[in-house]
Amino acid sequence: MNFQNEKSELRKRYRRERSEHAVNTPYSYLIDSKEISSARVIASYISYSDEPNTAELNQAIIAAGKKLLLPRMVEVNGEPGLEWVSWNGDPHNLKERGRILEPIGPADIDHNQIEVVIVPALRVDGDGYRLGQGGGFYDRTLAQVDAWTIALIFPEEISGQPLPRESHDIPVNAYATHDMVVRLS
């Protein structure tokens, strides 16, 4: 089995497992983590389906007076990528793109201001490598941002073994379940 097939098979398995154990638990406690509480500009995402719920966390970030950025899929130099758009919490400033909600408005192009990036993941291993949905959007984007990164997962999604990785994969600095933060670097 080649590398891409292996990752694809793992994604199918992890999605199936997630559907069996996912619970709608808020991650809003993360607003009190030292990295997020001290940050002024935070990039997050809007969860969907059985992903860890970001709704309350995103609202807590906005309520704390921080600038919240959400991703929007774009093409960058012929490759799929993400751009960040400031969001004020108003659902009218979102549009559907398949199953994903994306922000409406101009891109906030100064990546140097981003201090924290909250990323989705299906699994995270002890070295901080994550297995995402397979588009490579976040790895390409994280390579351009110098920020503290944290993946949101469920407790069952902590991998005891190294996940398959490629040279372009970017590890996160931490991961969080609904009740704990594990800092890796």
N, C-alpha and C. Protein backbone atom coordinates (compact mmCIF):
# COMPACT_ATOMS: atom_id res chain seq x y z
N MET A 1 0.85 -1.18 0.00
CA MET A 1 0.00 0.00 0.00
C MET A 1 0.89 1.24 0.00
N ASN A 2 0.59 2.21 -0.89
CA ASN A 2 1.42 3.40 -0.91
C ASN A 2 1.01 4.36 0.21
N PHE A 3 1.83 5.39 0.39
CA PHE A 3 1.67 6.32 1.50
C PHE A 3 0.31 7.02 1.48
N GLN A 4 -0.10 7.52 0.32
CA GLN A 4 -1.38 8.23 0.23
C GLN A 4 -2.55 7.30 0.52
N ASN A 5 -2.47 6.06 0.04
CA ASN A 5 -3.53 5.09 0.32
C ASN A 5 -3.61 4.78 1.81
N GLU A 6 -2.44 4.68 2.45
CA GLU A 6 -2.41 4.41 3.89
C GLU A 6 -3.11 5.54 4.65
N LYS A 7 -2.78 6.79 4.32
CA LYS A 7 -3.42 7.93 4.99
C LYS A 7 -4.92 7.96 4.70
N SER A 8 -5.30 7.66 3.48
CA SER A 8 -6.71 7.65 3.10
C SER A 8 -7.48 6.60 3.90
N GLU A 9 -6.91 5.42 4.03
CA GLU A 9 -7.55 4.35 4.81
C GLU A 9 -7.66 4.72 6.28
N LEU A 10 -6.61 5.35 6.82
CA LEU A 10 -6.66 5.80 8.21
C LEU A 10 -7.76 6.85 8.40
N ARG A 11 -7.87 7.78 7.47
CA ARG A 11 -8.93 8.80 7.57
C ARG A 11 -10.31 8.16 7.61
N LYS A 12 -10.55 7.19 6.73
CA LYS A 12 -11.85 6.50 6.72
C LYS A 12 -12.11 5.85 8.08
N ARG A 13 -11.11 5.16 8.59
CA ARG A 13 -11.25 4.48 9.88
C ARG A 13 -11.50 5.48 11.01
N TYR A 14 -10.70 6.55 11.03
CA TYR A 14 -10.83 7.53 12.10
C TYR A 14 -12.16 8.28 12.03
N ARG A 15 -12.66 8.55 10.84
CA ARG A 15 -13.98 9.19 10.71
C ARG A 15 -15.08 8.27 11.25
N ARG A 16 -14.97 7.00 10.90
CA ARG A 16 -15.96 6.02 11.39
C ARG A 16 -15.90 5.93 12.91
N GLU A 17 -14.69 5.85 13.47
CA GLU A 17 -14.55 5.78 14.92
C GLU A 17 -15.08 7.05 15.59
N ARG A 18 -14.79 8.21 14.98
CA ARG A 18 -15.28 9.47 15.56
C ARG A 18 -16.80 9.48 15.61
N SER A 19 -17.44 8.99 14.57
CA SER A 19 -18.91 9.01 14.53
C SER A 19 -19.49 8.16 15.65
N GLU A 20 -18.71 7.21 16.16
CA GLU A 20 -19.18 6.33 17.23
C GLU A 20 -18.99 6.92 18.62
N HIS A 21 -18.03 7.85 18.78
CA HIS A 21 -17.74 8.36 20.12
C HIS A 21 -17.89 9.87 20.29
N ALA A 22 -18.16 10.59 19.21
CA ALA A 22 -18.24 12.05 19.29
C ALA A 22 -19.36 12.50 20.21
N VAL A 23 -19.05 13.52 21.02
CA VAL A 23 -20.05 14.15 21.88
C VAL A 23 -19.97 15.65 21.67
N ASN A 24 -21.08 16.32 21.83
CA ASN A 24 -21.12 17.76 21.62
C ASN A 24 -20.74 18.46 22.92
N THR A 25 -19.45 18.54 23.16
CA THR A 25 -18.92 19.15 24.37
C THR A 25 -18.20 20.45 24.01
N PRO A 26 -18.46 21.52 24.74
CA PRO A 26 -17.79 22.79 24.41
C PRO A 26 -16.29 22.77 24.78
N TYR A 27 -15.54 23.53 24.04
CA TYR A 27 -14.10 23.69 24.29
C TYR A 27 -13.81 25.11 24.76
N SER A 28 -14.83 25.80 25.25
CA SER A 28 -14.69 27.20 25.63
C SER A 28 -13.72 27.42 26.79
N TYR A 29 -13.42 26.39 27.57
CA TYR A 29 -12.46 26.52 28.66
C TYR A 29 -11.09 26.96 28.15
N LEU A 30 -10.83 26.74 26.86
CA LEU A 30 -9.52 27.09 26.30
C LEU A 30 -9.25 28.59 26.32
N ILE A 31 -10.29 29.40 26.45
CA ILE A 31 -10.10 30.85 26.51
C ILE A 31 -9.20 31.23 27.69
N ASP A 32 -9.16 30.38 28.72
CA ASP A 32 -8.34 30.64 29.90
C ASP A 32 -6.92 30.09 29.79
N SER A 33 -6.61 29.37 28.71
CA SER A 33 -5.23 28.88 28.56
C SER A 33 -4.30 30.07 28.39
N LYS A 34 -3.08 29.96 28.88
CA LYS A 34 -2.17 31.12 28.85
C LYS A 34 -1.92 31.63 27.44
N GLU A 35 -1.85 30.74 26.47
CA GLU A 35 -1.55 31.16 25.10
C GLU A 35 -2.71 31.94 24.48
N ILE A 36 -3.93 31.46 24.70
CA ILE A 36 -5.10 32.12 24.12
C ILE A 36 -5.46 33.37 24.91
N SER A 37 -5.37 33.32 26.23
CA SER A 37 -5.74 34.50 27.03
C SER A 37 -4.81 35.67 26.78
N SER A 38 -3.56 35.42 26.43
CA SER A 38 -2.62 36.52 26.19
C SER A 38 -2.59 36.97 24.72
N ALA A 39 -3.21 36.22 23.83
CA ALA A 39 -3.18 36.55 22.40
C ALA A 39 -4.21 37.63 22.08
N ARG A 40 -3.89 38.43 21.07
CA ARG A 40 -4.82 39.45 20.59
C ARG A 40 -5.52 39.00 19.31
N VAL A 41 -4.81 38.19 18.48
CA VAL A 41 -5.34 37.73 17.20
C VAL A 41 -5.29 36.21 17.16
N ILE A 42 -6.46 35.59 17.00
CA ILE A 42 -6.58 34.14 17.05
C ILE A 42 -7.30 33.66 15.79
N ALA A 43 -6.72 32.67 15.14
CA ALA A 43 -7.36 32.03 13.99
C ALA A 43 -8.00 30.73 14.48
N SER A 44 -9.25 30.52 14.15
CA SER A 44 -9.97 29.32 14.54
C SER A 44 -10.70 28.79 13.31
N TYR A 45 -11.72 28.01 13.53
CA TYR A 45 -12.55 27.49 12.44
C TYR A 45 -13.94 27.22 12.99
N ILE A 46 -14.89 27.02 12.11
CA ILE A 46 -16.25 26.67 12.53
C ILE A 46 -16.40 25.16 12.33
N SER A 47 -16.60 24.47 13.42
CA SER A 47 -16.73 23.02 13.35
C SER A 47 -18.03 22.62 12.67
N TYR A 48 -18.05 21.43 12.13
CA TYR A 48 -19.27 20.91 11.52
C TYR A 48 -19.37 19.42 11.83
N SER A 49 -20.56 18.89 11.67
CA SER A 49 -20.83 17.47 11.86
C SER A 49 -20.38 17.02 13.24
N ASP A 50 -19.53 16.00 13.30
CA ASP A 50 -19.12 15.47 14.60
C ASP A 50 -17.72 15.92 15.01
N GLU A 51 -17.25 17.05 14.47
CA GLU A 51 -15.97 17.62 14.92
C GLU A 51 -16.14 18.19 16.33
N PRO A 52 -15.05 18.30 17.09
CA PRO A 52 -15.14 19.01 18.37
C PRO A 52 -15.76 20.39 18.16
N ASN A 53 -16.68 20.75 19.04
CA ASN A 53 -17.49 21.95 18.88
C ASN A 53 -16.69 23.23 19.18
N THR A 54 -16.57 24.10 18.18
CA THR A 54 -15.84 25.36 18.35
C THR A 54 -16.76 26.56 18.60
N ALA A 55 -18.07 26.37 18.56
CA ALA A 55 -19.01 27.51 18.62
C ALA A 55 -18.81 28.35 19.88
N GLU A 56 -18.82 27.74 21.04
CA GLU A 56 -18.69 28.50 22.28
C GLU A 56 -17.30 29.09 22.43
N LEU A 57 -16.28 28.36 22.00
CA LEU A 57 -14.92 28.89 22.07
C LEU A 57 -14.78 30.12 21.18
N ASN A 58 -15.28 30.05 19.96
CA ASN A 58 -15.21 31.21 19.07
C ASN A 58 -15.94 32.42 19.67
N GLN A 59 -17.10 32.20 20.25
CA GLN A 59 -17.85 33.30 20.86
C GLN A 59 -17.09 33.86 22.08
N ALA A 60 -16.45 32.98 22.85
CA ALA A 60 -15.67 33.44 24.01
C ALA A 60 -14.48 34.29 23.57
N ILE A 61 -13.85 33.92 22.45
CA ILE A 61 -12.73 34.70 21.91
C ILE A 61 -13.21 36.10 21.54
N ILE A 62 -14.35 36.17 20.87
CA ILE A 62 -14.91 37.48 20.48
C ILE A 62 -15.31 38.28 21.71
N ALA A 63 -15.97 37.63 22.67
CA ALA A 63 -16.42 38.32 23.89
C ALA A 63 -15.25 38.86 24.70
N ALA A 64 -14.09 38.23 24.58
CA ALA A 64 -12.89 38.69 25.30
C ALA A 64 -12.22 39.86 24.60
N GLY A 65 -12.80 40.31 23.50
CA GLY A 65 -12.26 41.47 22.79
C GLY A 65 -11.10 41.14 21.87
N LYS A 66 -10.94 39.89 21.54
CA LYS A 66 -9.85 39.48 20.66
C LYS A 66 -10.33 39.46 19.22
N LYS A 67 -9.40 39.56 18.30
CA LYS A 67 -9.74 39.48 16.88
C LYS A 67 -9.77 38.01 16.50
N LEU A 68 -10.92 37.56 15.98
CA LEU A 68 -11.08 36.17 15.57
C LEU A 68 -11.04 36.09 14.05
N LEU A 69 -10.17 35.25 13.55
CA LEU A 69 -10.07 35.00 12.12
C LEU A 69 -10.57 33.61 11.82
N LEU A 70 -11.30 33.47 10.71
CA LEU A 70 -11.78 32.17 10.25
C LEU A 70 -11.19 31.90 8.87
N PRO A 71 -11.02 30.61 8.52
CA PRO A 71 -10.42 30.30 7.22
C PRO A 71 -11.44 30.29 6.09
N ARG A 72 -10.93 30.62 4.92
CA ARG A 72 -11.71 30.51 3.68
C ARG A 72 -10.79 29.85 2.66
N MET A 73 -11.32 28.83 1.98
CA MET A 73 -10.52 28.10 0.99
C MET A 73 -10.32 28.95 -0.26
N VAL A 74 -9.07 28.98 -0.73
CA VAL A 74 -8.71 29.71 -1.94
C VAL A 74 -7.61 28.93 -2.66
N GLU A 75 -7.29 29.40 -3.83
CA GLU A 75 -6.15 28.85 -4.55
C GLU A 75 -4.98 29.81 -4.39
N VAL A 76 -3.85 29.27 -3.95
CA VAL A 76 -2.65 30.07 -3.74
C VAL A 76 -1.54 29.47 -4.58
N ASN A 77 -1.05 30.23 -5.57
CA ASN A 77 0.00 29.74 -6.47
C ASN A 77 -0.34 28.38 -7.07
N GLY A 78 -1.59 28.21 -7.48
CA GLY A 78 -2.02 26.98 -8.12
C GLY A 78 -2.32 25.84 -7.16
N GLU A 79 -2.18 26.07 -5.87
CA GLU A 79 -2.42 25.03 -4.85
C GLU A 79 -3.61 25.45 -3.98
N PRO A 80 -4.39 24.48 -3.51
CA PRO A 80 -5.45 24.83 -2.57
C PRO A 80 -4.84 25.34 -1.26
N GLY A 81 -5.38 26.41 -0.73
CA GLY A 81 -4.88 26.97 0.52
C GLY A 81 -5.99 27.65 1.29
N LEU A 82 -5.58 28.36 2.33
CA LEU A 82 -6.53 29.08 3.18
C LEU A 82 -6.13 30.54 3.25
N GLU A 83 -7.13 31.40 3.33
CA GLU A 83 -6.88 32.79 3.71
C GLU A 83 -7.73 33.05 4.94
N TRP A 84 -7.33 34.03 5.73
CA TRP A 84 -8.01 34.32 6.98
C TRP A 84 -8.85 35.57 6.83
N VAL A 85 -10.07 35.49 7.38
CA VAL A 85 -11.02 36.60 7.31
C VAL A 85 -11.51 36.88 8.74
N SER A 86 -11.51 38.15 9.12
CA SER A 86 -11.99 38.55 10.44
C SER A 86 -13.49 38.28 10.53
N TRP A 87 -13.93 37.75 11.68
CA TRP A 87 -15.35 37.43 11.87
C TRP A 87 -15.81 38.00 13.21
N ASN A 88 -16.99 38.62 13.22
CA ASN A 88 -17.52 39.26 14.42
C ASN A 88 -18.54 38.40 15.17
N GLY A 89 -18.74 37.18 14.76
CA GLY A 89 -19.69 36.30 15.43
C GLY A 89 -21.08 36.29 14.83
N ASP A 90 -21.34 37.15 13.86
CA ASP A 90 -22.65 37.23 13.23
C ASP A 90 -22.80 36.12 12.19
N PRO A 91 -23.75 35.19 12.38
CA PRO A 91 -23.92 34.11 11.41
C PRO A 91 -24.30 34.59 10.02
N HIS A 92 -24.81 35.82 9.89
CA HIS A 92 -25.13 36.36 8.57
C HIS A 92 -23.87 36.67 7.76
N ASN A 93 -22.72 36.70 8.43
CA ASN A 93 -21.45 36.96 7.75
C ASN A 93 -20.73 35.66 7.40
N LEU A 94 -21.51 34.60 7.24
CA LEU A 94 -20.97 33.29 6.85
C LEU A 94 -21.73 32.81 5.62
N LYS A 95 -21.07 32.02 4.80
CA LYS A 95 -21.76 31.38 3.68
C LYS A 95 -21.37 29.91 3.66
N GLU A 96 -22.26 29.10 3.14
CA GLU A 96 -22.01 27.67 3.05
C GLU A 96 -21.16 27.35 1.84
N ARG A 97 -20.19 26.49 2.04
CA ARG A 97 -19.38 25.92 0.96
C ARG A 97 -19.35 24.42 1.23
N GLY A 98 -20.28 23.71 0.63
CA GLY A 98 -20.44 22.29 0.95
C GLY A 98 -20.94 22.18 2.38
N ARG A 99 -20.23 21.42 3.20
CA ARG A 99 -20.60 21.25 4.61
C ARG A 99 -19.97 22.31 5.50
N ILE A 100 -19.10 23.13 4.93
CA ILE A 100 -18.31 24.09 5.71
C ILE A 100 -18.93 25.48 5.63
N LEU A 101 -18.88 26.20 6.75
CA LEU A 101 -19.25 27.61 6.76
C LEU A 101 -17.99 28.44 6.67
N GLU A 102 -17.99 29.40 5.73
CA GLU A 102 -16.83 30.26 5.54
C GLU A 102 -17.24 31.72 5.74
N PRO A 103 -16.30 32.54 6.22
CA PRO A 103 -16.61 33.95 6.44
C PRO A 103 -16.70 34.73 5.13
N ILE A 104 -17.53 35.76 5.16
CA ILE A 104 -17.68 36.68 4.04
C ILE A 104 -16.89 37.94 4.38
N GLY A 105 -16.25 38.51 3.40
CA GLY A 105 -15.54 39.77 3.61
C GLY A 105 -14.12 39.69 3.09
N PRO A 106 -13.40 40.80 3.21
CA PRO A 106 -12.03 40.83 2.70
C PRO A 106 -11.09 39.98 3.56
N ALA A 107 -10.09 39.42 2.91
CA ALA A 107 -9.09 38.63 3.63
C ALA A 107 -8.26 39.55 4.50
N ASP A 108 -7.86 39.05 5.66
CA ASP A 108 -6.96 39.74 6.56
C ASP A 108 -5.58 39.18 6.26
N ILE A 109 -4.80 39.86 5.45
CA ILE A 109 -3.62 39.25 4.86
C ILE A 109 -2.34 39.31 5.69
N ASP A 110 -2.34 40.01 6.81
CA ASP A 110 -1.12 40.09 7.61
C ASP A 110 -1.02 38.89 8.55
N HIS A 111 -0.44 37.80 8.05
CA HIS A 111 -0.29 36.58 8.85
C HIS A 111 0.62 36.77 10.04
N ASN A 112 1.47 37.78 10.02
CA ASN A 112 2.40 38.01 11.12
C ASN A 112 1.70 38.40 12.41
N GLN A 113 0.46 38.86 12.33
CA GLN A 113 -0.28 39.25 13.53
C GLN A 113 -0.92 38.07 14.24
N ILE A 114 -1.07 36.94 13.56
CA ILE A 114 -1.73 35.78 14.15
C ILE A 114 -0.83 35.19 15.23
N GLU A 115 -1.38 35.07 16.44
CA GLU A 115 -0.60 34.55 17.57
C GLU A 115 -0.96 33.11 17.92
N VAL A 116 -2.21 32.71 17.63
CA VAL A 116 -2.68 31.35 17.92
C VAL A 116 -3.49 30.88 16.72
N VAL A 117 -3.29 29.61 16.34
CA VAL A 117 -4.12 28.99 15.32
C VAL A 117 -4.72 27.72 15.91
N ILE A 118 -6.04 27.64 15.92
CA ILE A 118 -6.78 26.47 16.38
C ILE A 118 -7.12 25.65 15.14
N VAL A 119 -6.68 24.40 15.10
CA VAL A 119 -6.84 23.60 13.88
C VAL A 119 -7.65 22.32 14.15
N PRO A 120 -8.36 21.86 13.14
CA PRO A 120 -9.07 20.58 13.26
C PRO A 120 -8.11 19.42 13.04
N ALA A 121 -8.48 18.27 13.56
CA ALA A 121 -7.68 17.06 13.37
C ALA A 121 -8.55 15.84 13.62
N LEU A 122 -8.21 14.74 12.96
CA LEU A 122 -8.85 13.45 13.24
C LEU A 122 -8.05 12.68 14.29
N ARG A 123 -6.76 12.89 14.32
CA ARG A 123 -5.84 12.26 15.27
C ARG A 123 -4.62 13.15 15.43
N VAL A 124 -3.99 13.04 16.60
CA VAL A 124 -2.72 13.72 16.86
C VAL A 124 -1.82 12.73 17.58
N ASP A 125 -0.55 12.68 17.15
CA ASP A 125 0.39 11.78 17.84
C ASP A 125 1.25 12.56 18.84
N GLY A 126 2.10 11.85 19.56
CA GLY A 126 2.91 12.44 20.62
C GLY A 126 3.92 13.46 20.14
N ASP A 127 4.22 13.49 18.85
CA ASP A 127 5.14 14.48 18.29
C ASP A 127 4.40 15.70 17.75
N GLY A 128 3.08 15.69 17.85
CA GLY A 128 2.29 16.83 17.39
C GLY A 128 1.85 16.74 15.94
N TYR A 129 2.16 15.63 15.28
CA TYR A 129 1.69 15.49 13.90
C TYR A 129 0.23 15.08 13.91
N ARG A 130 -0.53 15.71 13.04
CA ARG A 130 -1.96 15.48 12.99
C ARG A 130 -2.34 14.87 11.66
N LEU A 131 -3.42 14.13 11.71
CA LEU A 131 -4.04 13.64 10.49
C LEU A 131 -5.33 14.42 10.35
N GLY A 132 -5.39 15.24 9.28
CA GLY A 132 -6.57 16.06 9.04
C GLY A 132 -7.49 15.39 8.04
N GLN A 133 -8.29 16.19 7.38
CA GLN A 133 -9.27 15.66 6.44
C GLN A 133 -8.68 15.31 5.09
N GLY A 134 -7.44 15.71 4.82
CA GLY A 134 -6.78 15.24 3.61
C GLY A 134 -6.56 16.27 2.53
N GLY A 135 -6.96 17.50 2.72
CA GLY A 135 -6.74 18.49 1.68
C GLY A 135 -5.38 19.16 1.73
N GLY A 136 -4.70 19.08 2.88
CA GLY A 136 -3.41 19.74 3.04
C GLY A 136 -3.52 21.24 3.24
N PHE A 137 -4.75 21.76 3.39
CA PHE A 137 -4.95 23.19 3.53
C PHE A 137 -4.19 23.76 4.73
N TYR A 138 -4.34 23.11 5.87
CA TYR A 138 -3.74 23.64 7.09
C TYR A 138 -2.22 23.52 7.07
N ASP A 139 -1.67 22.42 6.60
CA ASP A 139 -0.21 22.29 6.57
C ASP A 139 0.41 23.37 5.70
N ARG A 140 -0.17 23.63 4.53
CA ARG A 140 0.36 24.68 3.66
C ARG A 140 0.26 26.05 4.33
N THR A 141 -0.83 26.28 5.03
CA THR A 141 -1.04 27.57 5.68
C THR A 141 -0.16 27.71 6.91
N LEU A 142 -0.04 26.67 7.73
CA LEU A 142 0.77 26.74 8.94
C LEU A 142 2.25 26.98 8.62
N ALA A 143 2.69 26.55 7.45
CA ALA A 143 4.07 26.78 7.05
C ALA A 143 4.35 28.27 6.87
N GLN A 144 3.31 29.08 6.71
CA GLN A 144 3.46 30.52 6.48
C GLN A 144 3.19 31.36 7.72
N VAL A 145 2.80 30.73 8.82
CA VAL A 145 2.38 31.46 10.02
C VAL A 145 3.29 31.07 11.18
N ASP A 146 3.79 32.07 11.90
CA ASP A 146 4.59 31.82 13.09
C ASP A 146 3.71 32.05 14.31
N ALA A 147 2.93 31.03 14.65
CA ALA A 147 1.97 31.15 15.75
C ALA A 147 1.96 29.86 16.56
N TRP A 148 1.42 29.95 17.76
CA TRP A 148 1.22 28.76 18.59
C TRP A 148 0.01 28.02 18.02
N THR A 149 0.14 26.73 17.79
CA THR A 149 -0.92 25.96 17.15
C THR A 149 -1.44 24.88 18.08
N ILE A 150 -2.76 24.71 18.06
CA ILE A 150 -3.40 23.70 18.90
C ILE A 150 -4.50 23.01 18.10
N ALA A 151 -4.51 21.69 18.14
CA ALA A 151 -5.52 20.88 17.46
C ALA A 151 -6.59 20.46 18.46
N LEU A 152 -7.84 20.47 18.02
CA LEU A 152 -8.95 20.02 18.87
C LEU A 152 -9.33 18.60 18.47
N ILE A 153 -9.36 17.72 19.46
CA ILE A 153 -9.70 16.32 19.24
C ILE A 153 -10.54 15.81 20.41
N PHE A 154 -11.03 14.59 20.28
CA PHE A 154 -11.68 13.90 21.38
C PHE A 154 -10.63 13.03 22.07
N PRO A 155 -10.84 12.65 23.34
CA PRO A 155 -9.83 11.87 24.06
C PRO A 155 -9.41 10.58 23.34
N GLU A 156 -10.32 9.96 22.63
CA GLU A 156 -10.03 8.70 21.94
C GLU A 156 -9.13 8.91 20.71
N GLU A 157 -8.87 10.16 20.37
CA GLU A 157 -8.13 10.47 19.14
C GLU A 157 -6.67 10.82 19.37
N ILE A 158 -6.19 10.54 20.57
CA ILE A 158 -4.76 10.69 20.86
C ILE A 158 -4.09 9.41 20.38
N SER A 159 -3.18 9.54 19.44
CA SER A 159 -2.54 8.36 18.86
C SER A 159 -1.33 7.94 19.69
N GLY A 160 -1.31 6.69 20.10
CA GLY A 160 -0.18 6.15 20.84
C GLY A 160 1.00 5.80 19.94
N GLN A 161 0.78 5.81 18.65
CA GLN A 161 1.83 5.50 17.68
C GLN A 161 2.00 6.68 16.73
N PRO A 162 3.20 6.83 16.18
CA PRO A 162 3.40 7.92 15.22
C PRO A 162 2.45 7.78 14.02
N LEU A 163 1.90 8.90 13.61
CA LEU A 163 1.05 8.93 12.43
C LEU A 163 1.92 9.04 11.18
N PRO A 164 1.43 8.55 10.05
CA PRO A 164 2.21 8.72 8.82
C PRO A 164 2.39 10.21 8.53
N ARG A 165 3.59 10.57 8.10
CA ARG A 165 3.85 11.98 7.83
C ARG A 165 4.70 12.15 6.59
N GLU A 166 4.51 13.29 5.97
CA GLU A 166 5.28 13.65 4.80
C GLU A 166 6.11 14.89 5.11
N SER A 167 7.03 15.23 4.23
CA SER A 167 7.93 16.34 4.50
C SER A 167 7.19 17.67 4.67
N HIS A 168 6.01 17.83 4.07
CA HIS A 168 5.27 19.09 4.18
C HIS A 168 4.36 19.15 5.40
N ASP A 169 4.23 18.06 6.15
CA ASP A 169 3.37 18.05 7.33
C ASP A 169 3.99 18.90 8.43
N ILE A 170 3.16 19.71 9.07
CA ILE A 170 3.60 20.63 10.11
C ILE A 170 3.00 20.17 11.45
N PRO A 171 3.83 19.89 12.45
CA PRO A 171 3.28 19.50 13.75
C PRO A 171 2.66 20.68 14.50
N VAL A 172 1.68 20.39 15.34
CA VAL A 172 1.08 21.41 16.19
C VAL A 172 1.87 21.48 17.50
N ASN A 173 1.71 22.60 18.20
CA ASN A 173 2.39 22.78 19.48
C ASN A 173 1.64 22.12 20.64
N ALA A 174 0.35 21.86 20.44
CA ALA A 174 -0.47 21.29 21.51
C ALA A 174 -1.73 20.68 20.91
N TYR A 175 -2.39 19.87 21.73
CA TYR A 175 -3.73 19.42 21.37
C TYR A 175 -4.61 19.54 22.60
N ALA A 176 -5.91 19.63 22.36
CA ALA A 176 -6.86 19.76 23.46
C ALA A 176 -8.00 18.80 23.25
N THR A 177 -8.40 18.16 24.33
CA THR A 177 -9.65 17.42 24.37
C THR A 177 -10.64 18.31 25.11
N HIS A 178 -11.83 17.82 25.38
CA HIS A 178 -12.83 18.65 26.05
C HIS A 178 -12.45 19.02 27.48
N ASP A 179 -11.42 18.36 28.04
CA ASP A 179 -11.08 18.64 29.43
C ASP A 179 -9.60 18.81 29.73
N MET A 180 -8.74 18.81 28.71
CA MET A 180 -7.32 18.99 29.00
C MET A 180 -6.57 19.53 27.78
N VAL A 181 -5.48 20.23 28.07
CA VAL A 181 -4.57 20.70 27.04
C VAL A 181 -3.24 19.98 27.25
N VAL A 182 -2.69 19.43 26.17
CA VAL A 182 -1.37 18.79 26.23
C VAL A 182 -0.44 19.62 25.35
N ARG A 183 0.54 20.25 25.98
CA ARG A 183 1.52 21.05 25.25
C ARG A 183 2.68 20.16 24.88
N LEU A 184 3.04 20.22 23.60
CA LEU A 184 4.06 19.32 23.07
C LEU A 184 5.41 20.02 22.86
N SER A 185 5.37 21.32 22.68
CA SER A 185 6.64 22.04 22.49
C SER A 185 6.49 23.46 22.94
